[in-house]
PDB file of all heavy atoms in Angstrom:
ATOM      1  N   LEU A   1      83.558 121.415  98.449  1.00  0.00           N
ATOM      2  CA  LEU A   1      84.120 121.770  97.074  1.00  0.00           C
ATOM      3  C   LEU A   1      85.189 122.913  97.086  1.00  0.00           C
ATOM      4  O   LEU A   1      85.631 123.216  96.026  1.00  0.00           O
ATOM      5  CB  LEU A   1      83.082 122.015  96.070  1.00  0.00           C
ATOM      6  CG  LEU A   1      82.083 120.790  95.823  1.00  0.00           C
ATOM      7  CD1 LEU A   1      80.969 121.266  94.949  1.00  0.00           C
ATOM      8  CD2 LEU A   1      82.897 119.690  95.150  1.00  0.00           C
ATOM      9  N   ASP A   2      85.339 123.543  98.222  1.00  0.00           N
ATOM     10  CA  ASP A   2      86.460 124.457  98.399  1.00  0.00           C
ATOM     11  C   ASP A   2      86.689 124.723  99.854  1.00  0.00           C
ATOM     12  O   ASP A   2      85.878 125.414 100.546  1.00  0.00           O
ATOM     13  CB  ASP A   2      86.170 125.752  97.712  1.00  0.00           C
ATOM     14  CG  ASP A   2      87.458 126.712  97.623  1.00  0.00           C
ATOM     15  OD1 ASP A   2      87.994 127.069  98.671  1.00  0.00           O
ATOM     16  OD2 ASP A   2      87.846 127.052  96.434  1.00  0.00           O
ATOM     17  N   LYS A   3      87.709 124.293 100.480  1.00  0.00           N
ATOM     18  CA  LYS A   3      88.074 124.320 101.858  1.00  0.00           C
ATOM     19  C   LYS A   3      88.016 125.728 102.391  1.00  0.00           C
ATOM     20  O   LYS A   3      87.854 125.929 103.568  1.00  0.00           O
ATOM     21  CB  LYS A   3      89.218 123.508 102.284  1.00  0.00           C
ATOM     22  CG  LYS A   3      90.492 123.922 101.678  1.00  0.00           C
ATOM     23  CD  LYS A   3      91.731 123.122 102.011  1.00  0.00           C
ATOM     24  CE  LYS A   3      92.985 123.551 101.259  1.00  0.00           C
ATOM     25  NZ  LYS A   3      93.324 124.992 101.623  1.00  0.00           N
ATOM     26  N   ASP A   4      88.433 126.742 101.635  1.00  0.00           N
ATOM     27  CA  ASP A   4      88.625 128.014 101.989  1.00  0.00           C
ATOM     28  C   ASP A   4      87.497 128.897 101.816  1.00  0.00           C
ATOM     29  O   ASP A   4      87.207 129.828 102.576  1.00  0.00           O
ATOM     30  CB  ASP A   4      89.914 128.571 101.256  1.00  0.00           C
ATOM     31  CG  ASP A   4      91.157 127.848 101.649  1.00  0.00           C
ATOM     32  OD1 ASP A   4      91.341 127.515 102.902  1.00  0.00           O
ATOM     33  OD2 ASP A   4      91.972 127.564 100.758  1.00  0.00           O
ATOM     34  N   LYS A   5      86.849 128.792 100.624  1.00  0.00           N
ATOM     35  CA  LYS A   5      85.830 129.721 100.252  1.00  0.00           C
ATOM     36  C   LYS A   5      84.335 129.105 100.366  1.00  0.00           C
ATOM     37  O   LYS A   5      83.388 130.009 100.252  1.00  0.00           O
ATOM     38  CB  LYS A   5      86.091 130.131  98.755  1.00  0.00           C
ATOM     39  CG  LYS A   5      87.295 131.072  98.558  1.00  0.00           C
ATOM     40  CD  LYS A   5      87.460 131.615  97.140  1.00  0.00           C
ATOM     41  CE  LYS A   5      87.609 130.642  96.052  1.00  0.00           C
ATOM     42  NZ  LYS A   5      88.955 129.964  96.252  1.00  0.00           N
ATOM     43  N   GLY A   6      84.305 127.863 100.409  1.00  0.00           N
ATOM     44  CA  GLY A   6      82.877 127.201 100.257  1.00  0.00           C
ATOM     45  C   GLY A   6      81.890 127.491 101.203  1.00  0.00           C
ATOM     46  O   GLY A   6      80.764 127.450 101.035  1.00  0.00           O
ATOM     47  N   GLY A   7      82.366 127.657 102.565  1.00  0.00           N
ATOM     48  CA  GLY A   7      81.366 127.949 103.688  1.00  0.00           C
ATOM     49  C   GLY A   7      81.066 126.733 104.312  1.00  0.00           C
ATOM     50  O   GLY A   7      80.932 125.587 103.827  1.00  0.00           O
ATOM     51  N   TYR A   8      80.705 126.880 105.756  1.00  0.00           N
ATOM     52  CA  TYR A   8      80.487 125.588 106.503  1.00  0.00           C
ATOM     53  C   TYR A   8      79.786 126.162 107.867  1.00  0.00           C
ATOM     54  O   TYR A   8      79.772 127.293 108.229  1.00  0.00           O
ATOM     55  CB  TYR A   8      81.715 124.876 106.873  1.00  0.00           C
ATOM     56  CG  TYR A   8      82.705 125.739 107.658  1.00  0.00           C
ATOM     57  CD1 TYR A   8      82.838 125.459 108.992  1.00  0.00           C
ATOM     58  CD2 TYR A   8      83.583 126.608 106.968  1.00  0.00           C
ATOM     59  CE1 TYR A   8      83.753 126.263 109.765  1.00  0.00           C
ATOM     60  CE2 TYR A   8      84.599 127.360 107.766  1.00  0.00           C
ATOM     61  CZ  TYR A   8      84.707 127.193 109.157  1.00  0.00           C
ATOM     62  OH  TYR A   8      85.518 127.818 109.887  1.00  0.00           O
ATOM     63  N   PHE A   9      79.299 125.123 108.543  1.00  0.00           N
ATOM     64  CA  PHE A   9      78.567 125.345 109.834  1.00  0.00           C
ATOM     65  C   PHE A   9      79.114 124.210 110.743  1.00  0.00           C
ATOM     66  O   PHE A   9      78.749 123.106 110.653  1.00  0.00           O
ATOM     67  CB  PHE A   9      77.123 125.310 109.733  1.00  0.00           C
ATOM     68  CG  PHE A   9      76.215 125.649 110.958  1.00  0.00           C
ATOM     69  CD1 PHE A   9      74.890 125.712 110.871  1.00  0.00           C
ATOM     70  CD2 PHE A   9      76.884 125.597 112.235  1.00  0.00           C
ATOM     71  CE1 PHE A   9      74.164 126.007 112.063  1.00  0.00           C
ATOM     72  CE2 PHE A   9      76.157 125.868 113.467  1.00  0.00           C
ATOM     73  CZ  PHE A   9      74.827 126.085 113.313  1.00  0.00           C
ATOM     74  N   SER A  10      80.077 124.595 111.626  1.00  0.00           N
ATOM     75  CA  SER A  10      80.847 123.474 112.380  1.00  0.00           C
ATOM     76  C   SER A  10      80.521 123.692 113.832  1.00  0.00           C
ATOM     77  O   SER A  10      80.521 124.706 114.422  1.00  0.00           O
ATOM     78  CB  SER A  10      82.248 123.572 112.038  1.00  0.00           C
ATOM     79  OG  SER A  10      83.023 122.718 112.887  1.00  0.00           O
ATOM     80  N   ILE A  11      80.378 122.607 114.591  1.00  0.00           N
ATOM     81  CA  ILE A  11      80.300 122.450 116.021  1.00  0.00           C
ATOM     82  C   ILE A  11      81.199 121.260 116.421  1.00  0.00           C
ATOM     83  O   ILE A  11      80.925 120.093 116.083  1.00  0.00           O
ATOM     84  CB  ILE A  11      78.838 122.105 116.576  1.00  0.00           C
ATOM     85  CG1 ILE A  11      77.843 123.254 116.011  1.00  0.00           C
ATOM     86  CG2 ILE A  11      78.885 122.037 118.071  1.00  0.00           C
ATOM     87  CD1 ILE A  11      76.400 122.914 116.352  1.00  0.00           C
ATOM     88  N   HIS A  12      82.260 121.580 117.042  1.00  0.00           N
ATOM     89  CA  HIS A  12      83.329 120.525 117.332  1.00  0.00           C
ATOM     90  C   HIS A  12      84.033 120.915 118.692  1.00  0.00           C
ATOM     91  O   HIS A  12      83.902 122.035 119.123  1.00  0.00           O
ATOM     92  CB  HIS A  12      84.327 120.528 116.264  1.00  0.00           C
ATOM     93  CG  HIS A  12      85.022 121.725 116.023  1.00  0.00           C
ATOM     94  ND1 HIS A  12      86.130 122.239 116.680  1.00  0.00           N
ATOM     95  CD2 HIS A  12      84.786 122.764 115.063  1.00  0.00           C
ATOM     96  CE1 HIS A  12      86.527 123.448 116.259  1.00  0.00           C
ATOM     97  NE2 HIS A  12      85.847 123.830 115.330  1.00  0.00           N
ATOM     98  N   PRO A  13      84.536 119.836 119.391  1.00  0.00           N
ATOM     99  CA  PRO A  13      85.272 120.020 120.566  1.00  0.00           C
ATOM    100  C   PRO A  13      86.416 120.992 120.404  1.00  0.00           C
ATOM    101  O   PRO A  13      86.994 121.232 119.353  1.00  0.00           O
ATOM    102  CB  PRO A  13      85.842 118.730 120.945  1.00  0.00           C
ATOM    103  CG  PRO A  13      84.913 117.746 120.180  1.00  0.00           C
ATOM    104  CD  PRO A  13      84.519 118.418 118.865  1.00  0.00           C
ATOM    105  N   ASP A  14      86.746 121.618 121.518  1.00  0.00           N
ATOM    106  CA  ASP A  14      87.942 122.581 121.560  1.00  0.00           C
ATOM    107  C   ASP A  14      89.204 121.862 120.936  1.00  0.00           C
ATOM    108  O   ASP A  14      89.369 120.628 121.157  1.00  0.00           O
ATOM    109  CB  ASP A  14      88.257 122.919 122.956  1.00  0.00           C
ATOM    110  CG  ASP A  14      89.464 123.842 123.164  1.00  0.00           C
ATOM    111  OD1 ASP A  14      90.561 123.361 123.121  1.00  0.00           O
ATOM    112  OD2 ASP A  14      89.252 125.070 123.285  1.00  0.00           O
ATOM    113  N   SER A  15      89.959 122.516 120.112  1.00  0.00           N
ATOM    114  CA  SER A  15      90.991 121.903 119.282  1.00  0.00           C
ATOM    115  C   SER A  15      92.041 121.262 120.223  1.00  0.00           C
ATOM    116  O   SER A  15      92.809 120.376 119.700  1.00  0.00           O
ATOM    117  CB  SER A  15      91.660 122.936 118.371  1.00  0.00           C
ATOM    118  OG  SER A  15      92.182 124.020 119.187  1.00  0.00           O
ATOM    119  N   SER A  16      92.109 121.554 121.491  1.00  0.00           N
ATOM    120  CA  SER A  16      93.095 121.009 122.333  1.00  0.00           C
ATOM    121  C   SER A  16      92.615 119.698 122.820  1.00  0.00           C
ATOM    122  O   SER A  16      93.492 118.938 123.402  1.00  0.00           O
ATOM    123  CB  SER A  16      93.347 121.786 123.571  1.00  0.00           C
ATOM    124  OG  SER A  16      92.107 122.046 124.310  1.00  0.00           O
ATOM    125  N   LEU A  17      91.433 119.318 122.600  1.00  0.00           N
ATOM    126  CA  LEU A  17      90.903 118.002 123.043  1.00  0.00           C
ATOM    127  C   LEU A  17      90.994 116.829 122.025  1.00  0.00           C
ATOM    128  O   LEU A  17      90.839 117.007 120.868  1.00  0.00           O
ATOM    129  CB  LEU A  17      89.421 118.041 123.441  1.00  0.00           C
ATOM    130  CG  LEU A  17      89.070 119.058 124.584  1.00  0.00           C
ATOM    131  CD1 LEU A  17      87.633 119.179 124.696  1.00  0.00           C
ATOM    132  CD2 LEU A  17      89.746 118.534 125.931  1.00  0.00           C
ATOM    133  N   SER A  18      91.322 115.623 122.511  1.00  0.00           N
ATOM    134  CA  SER A  18      91.254 114.472 121.686  1.00  0.00           C
ATOM    135  C   SER A  18      90.011 113.738 122.024  1.00  0.00           C
ATOM    136  O   SER A  18      89.814 113.353 123.149  1.00  0.00           O
ATOM    137  CB  SER A  18      92.560 113.675 121.976  1.00  0.00           C
ATOM    138  OG  SER A  18      93.686 114.219 121.690  1.00  0.00           O
ATOM    139  N   CYS A  19      89.248 113.451 120.907  1.00  0.00           N
ATOM    140  CA  CYS A  19      87.896 112.790 121.064  1.00  0.00           C
ATOM    141  C   CYS A  19      87.735 111.682 120.201  1.00  0.00           C
ATOM    142  O   CYS A  19      88.194 111.663 119.015  1.00  0.00           O
ATOM    143  CB  CYS A  19      86.714 113.751 120.892  1.00  0.00           C
ATOM    144  SG  CYS A  19      86.573 115.014 122.127  1.00  0.00           S
ATOM    145  N   THR A  20      87.014 110.619 120.590  1.00  0.00           N
ATOM    146  CA  THR A  20      86.549 109.621 119.698  1.00  0.00           C
ATOM    147  C   THR A  20      85.164 110.088 119.218  1.00  0.00           C
ATOM    148  O   THR A  20      84.331 110.609 119.975  1.00  0.00           O
ATOM    149  CB  THR A  20      86.348 108.335 120.511  1.00  0.00           C
ATOM    150  OG1 THR A  20      87.585 107.765 120.891  1.00  0.00           O
ATOM    151  CG2 THR A  20      85.658 107.238 119.597  1.00  0.00           C
ATOM    152  N   THR A  21      84.984 109.954 117.924  1.00  0.00           N
ATOM    153  CA  THR A  21      83.757 110.384 117.291  1.00  0.00           C
ATOM    154  C   THR A  21      82.876 109.175 116.794  1.00  0.00           C
ATOM    155  O   THR A  21      83.480 108.317 116.142  1.00  0.00           O
ATOM    156  CB  THR A  21      83.978 111.342 116.164  1.00  0.00           C
ATOM    157  OG1 THR A  21      84.883 112.363 116.599  1.00  0.00           O
ATOM    158  CG2 THR A  21      82.745 111.974 115.560  1.00  0.00           C
ATOM    159  N   LYS A  22      81.597 109.198 117.145  1.00  0.00           N
ATOM    160  CA  LYS A  22      80.748 108.219 116.571  1.00  0.00           C
ATOM    161  C   LYS A  22      79.553 108.846 115.909  1.00  0.00           C
ATOM    162  O   LYS A  22      79.139 110.019 116.410  1.00  0.00           O
ATOM    163  CB  LYS A  22      80.253 107.250 117.715  1.00  0.00           C
ATOM    164  CG  LYS A  22      81.303 106.325 118.232  1.00  0.00           C
ATOM    165  CD  LYS A  22      80.731 105.371 119.192  1.00  0.00           C
ATOM    166  CE  LYS A  22      81.783 104.420 119.829  1.00  0.00           C
ATOM    167  NZ  LYS A  22      82.268 103.516 118.796  1.00  0.00           N
ATOM    168  N   GLN A  23      79.111 108.243 114.753  1.00  0.00           N
ATOM    169  CA  GLN A  23      77.965 108.983 114.196  1.00  0.00           C
ATOM    170  C   GLN A  23      76.986 107.876 113.671  1.00  0.00           C
ATOM    171  O   GLN A  23      77.331 106.857 113.194  1.00  0.00           O
ATOM    172  CB  GLN A  23      78.474 109.659 112.902  1.00  0.00           C
ATOM    173  CG  GLN A  23      77.456 110.638 112.302  1.00  0.00           C
ATOM    174  CD  GLN A  23      77.913 111.377 111.113  1.00  0.00           C
ATOM    175  OE1 GLN A  23      78.401 110.770 110.038  1.00  0.00           O
ATOM    176  NE2 GLN A  23      78.059 112.756 111.199  1.00  0.00           N
ATOM    177  N   GLN A  24      75.618 108.112 113.994  1.00  0.00           N
ATOM    178  CA  GLN A  24      74.711 107.178 113.646  1.00  0.00           C
ATOM    179  C   GLN A  24      73.363 107.799 113.483  1.00  0.00           C
ATOM    180  O   GLN A  24      73.153 109.058 113.939  1.00  0.00           O
ATOM    181  CB  GLN A  24      74.605 106.084 114.587  1.00  0.00           C
ATOM    182  CG  GLN A  24      74.085 106.608 116.039  1.00  0.00           C
ATOM    183  CD  GLN A  24      74.060 105.530 117.079  1.00  0.00           C
ATOM    184  OE1 GLN A  24      74.395 104.395 116.842  1.00  0.00           O
ATOM    185  NE2 GLN A  24      73.612 105.943 118.359  1.00  0.00           N
ATOM    186  N   TYR A  25      72.463 107.213 112.717  1.00  0.00           N
ATOM    187  CA  TYR A  25      71.141 107.721 112.679  1.00  0.00           C
ATOM    188  C   TYR A  25      70.265 107.122 113.906  1.00  0.00           C
ATOM    189  O   TYR A  25      70.592 106.051 114.277  1.00  0.00           O
ATOM    190  CB  TYR A  25      70.386 107.277 111.421  1.00  0.00           C
ATOM    191  CG  TYR A  25      70.953 108.051 110.146  1.00  0.00           C
ATOM    192  CD1 TYR A  25      71.624 107.371 109.236  1.00  0.00           C
ATOM    193  CD2 TYR A  25      70.394 109.135 109.925  1.00  0.00           C
ATOM    194  CE1 TYR A  25      71.980 108.061 108.070  1.00  0.00           C
ATOM    195  CE2 TYR A  25      70.807 109.983 108.855  1.00  0.00           C
ATOM    196  CZ  TYR A  25      71.572 109.370 107.870  1.00  0.00           C
ATOM    197  OH  TYR A  25      71.938 110.018 106.771  1.00  0.00           O
ATOM    198  N   MET A  26      69.431 107.956 114.390  1.00  0.00           N
ATOM    199  CA  MET A  26      68.569 107.627 115.439  1.00  0.00           C
ATOM    200  C   MET A  26      67.511 106.523 114.811  1.00  0.00           C
ATOM    201  O   MET A  26      67.230 106.545 113.652  1.00  0.00           O
ATOM    202  CB  MET A  26      67.772 108.765 116.200  1.00  0.00           C
ATOM    203  CG  MET A  26      68.768 109.730 116.636  1.00  0.00           C
ATOM    204  SD  MET A  26      67.994 111.125 117.477  1.00  0.00           S
ATOM    205  CE  MET A  26      67.434 110.457 118.992  1.00  0.00           C
ATOM    206  N   PRO A  27      67.029 105.557 115.646  1.00  0.00           N
ATOM    207  CA  PRO A  27      66.416 104.439 115.004  1.00  0.00           C
ATOM    208  C   PRO A  27      65.292 104.813 114.097  1.00  0.00           C
ATOM    209  O   PRO A  27      64.378 105.657 114.384  1.00  0.00           O
ATOM    210  CB  PRO A  27      65.739 103.763 116.378  1.00  0.00           C
ATOM    211  CG  PRO A  27      66.757 104.105 117.402  1.00  0.00           C
ATOM    212  CD  PRO A  27      67.227 105.465 117.080  1.00  0.00           C
ATOM    213  N   SER A  28      65.320 104.035 112.943  1.00  0.00           N
ATOM    214  CA  SER A  28      64.263 104.212 111.997  1.00  0.00           C
ATOM    215  C   SER A  28      63.882 105.618 111.439  1.00  0.00           C
ATOM    216  O   SER A  28      62.753 106.048 111.410  1.00  0.00           O
ATOM    217  CB  SER A  28      62.942 103.504 112.469  1.00  0.00           C
ATOM    218  OG  SER A  28      63.158 102.132 112.752  1.00  0.00           O
ATOM    219  N   SER A  29      65.024 106.536 111.419  1.00  0.00           N
ATOM    220  CA  SER A  29      64.771 107.849 111.107  1.00  0.00           C
ATOM    221  C   SER A  29      65.939 108.402 110.234  1.00  0.00           C
ATOM    222  O   SER A  29      67.023 107.764 110.006  1.00  0.00           O
ATOM    223  CB  SER A  29      64.667 108.748 112.378  1.00  0.00           C
ATOM    224  OG  SER A  29      65.942 108.961 112.845  1.00  0.00           O
ATOM    225  N   ASN A  30      65.761 109.666 109.810  1.00  0.00           N
ATOM    226  CA  ASN A  30      66.839 110.401 109.229  1.00  0.00           C
ATOM    227  C   ASN A  30      67.306 111.539 110.038  1.00  0.00           C
ATOM    228  O   ASN A  30      67.788 112.584 109.675  1.00  0.00           O
ATOM    229  CB  ASN A  30      66.305 111.005 107.831  1.00  0.00           C
ATOM    230  CG  ASN A  30      66.360 109.961 106.725  1.00  0.00           C
ATOM    231  OD1 ASN A  30      67.278 109.306 106.649  1.00  0.00           O
ATOM    232  ND2 ASN A  30      65.265 109.905 105.992  1.00  0.00           N
ATOM    233  N   ILE A  31      67.175 111.344 111.368  1.00  0.00           N
ATOM    234  CA  ILE A  31      67.749 112.256 112.355  1.00  0.00           C
ATOM    235  C   ILE A  31      69.152 111.745 112.718  1.00  0.00           C
ATOM    236  O   ILE A  31      69.394 110.527 113.179  1.00  0.00           O
ATOM    237  CB  ILE A  31      66.920 112.286 113.649  1.00  0.00           C
ATOM    238  CG1 ILE A  31      65.542 112.883 113.259  1.00  0.00           C
ATOM    239  CG2 ILE A  31      67.477 113.260 114.686  1.00  0.00           C
ATOM    240  CD1 ILE A  31      64.530 112.925 114.536  1.00  0.00           C
ATOM    241  N   LEU A  32      70.188 112.559 112.490  1.00  0.00           N
ATOM    242  CA  LEU A  32      71.533 112.150 112.548  1.00  0.00           C
ATOM    243  C   LEU A  32      72.201 112.581 113.903  1.00  0.00           C
ATOM    244  O   LEU A  32      72.008 113.718 114.413  1.00  0.00           O
ATOM    245  CB  LEU A  32      72.328 112.734 111.402  1.00  0.00           C
ATOM    246  CG  LEU A  32      73.804 112.332 111.258  1.00  0.00           C
ATOM    247  CD1 LEU A  32      73.830 110.776 110.930  1.00  0.00           C
ATOM    248  CD2 LEU A  32      74.503 113.060 110.225  1.00  0.00           C
ATOM    249  N   GLN A  33      72.937 111.666 114.554  1.00  0.00           N
ATOM    250  CA  GLN A  33      73.525 111.919 115.880  1.00  0.00           C
ATOM    251  C   GLN A  33      75.024 111.693 115.681  1.00  0.00           C
ATOM    252  O   GLN A  33      75.509 110.749 115.382  1.00  0.00           O
ATOM    253  CB  GLN A  33      73.000 111.054 116.975  1.00  0.00           C
ATOM    254  CG  GLN A  33      73.521 111.135 118.326  1.00  0.00           C
ATOM    255  CD  GLN A  33      73.217 110.045 119.272  1.00  0.00           C
ATOM    256  OE1 GLN A  33      73.780 108.832 119.270  1.00  0.00           O
ATOM    257  NE2 GLN A  33      72.289 110.227 120.176  1.00  0.00           N
TER     258      GLN A  33
END
């Protein structure tokens, strides 16, 4: 709700890298990968 002031916790590849990103839940769970 505010890209500058809202706050965040980010873990991402070094900005120089190009990556394909996939996101899914682990089977039958609410654990996100």
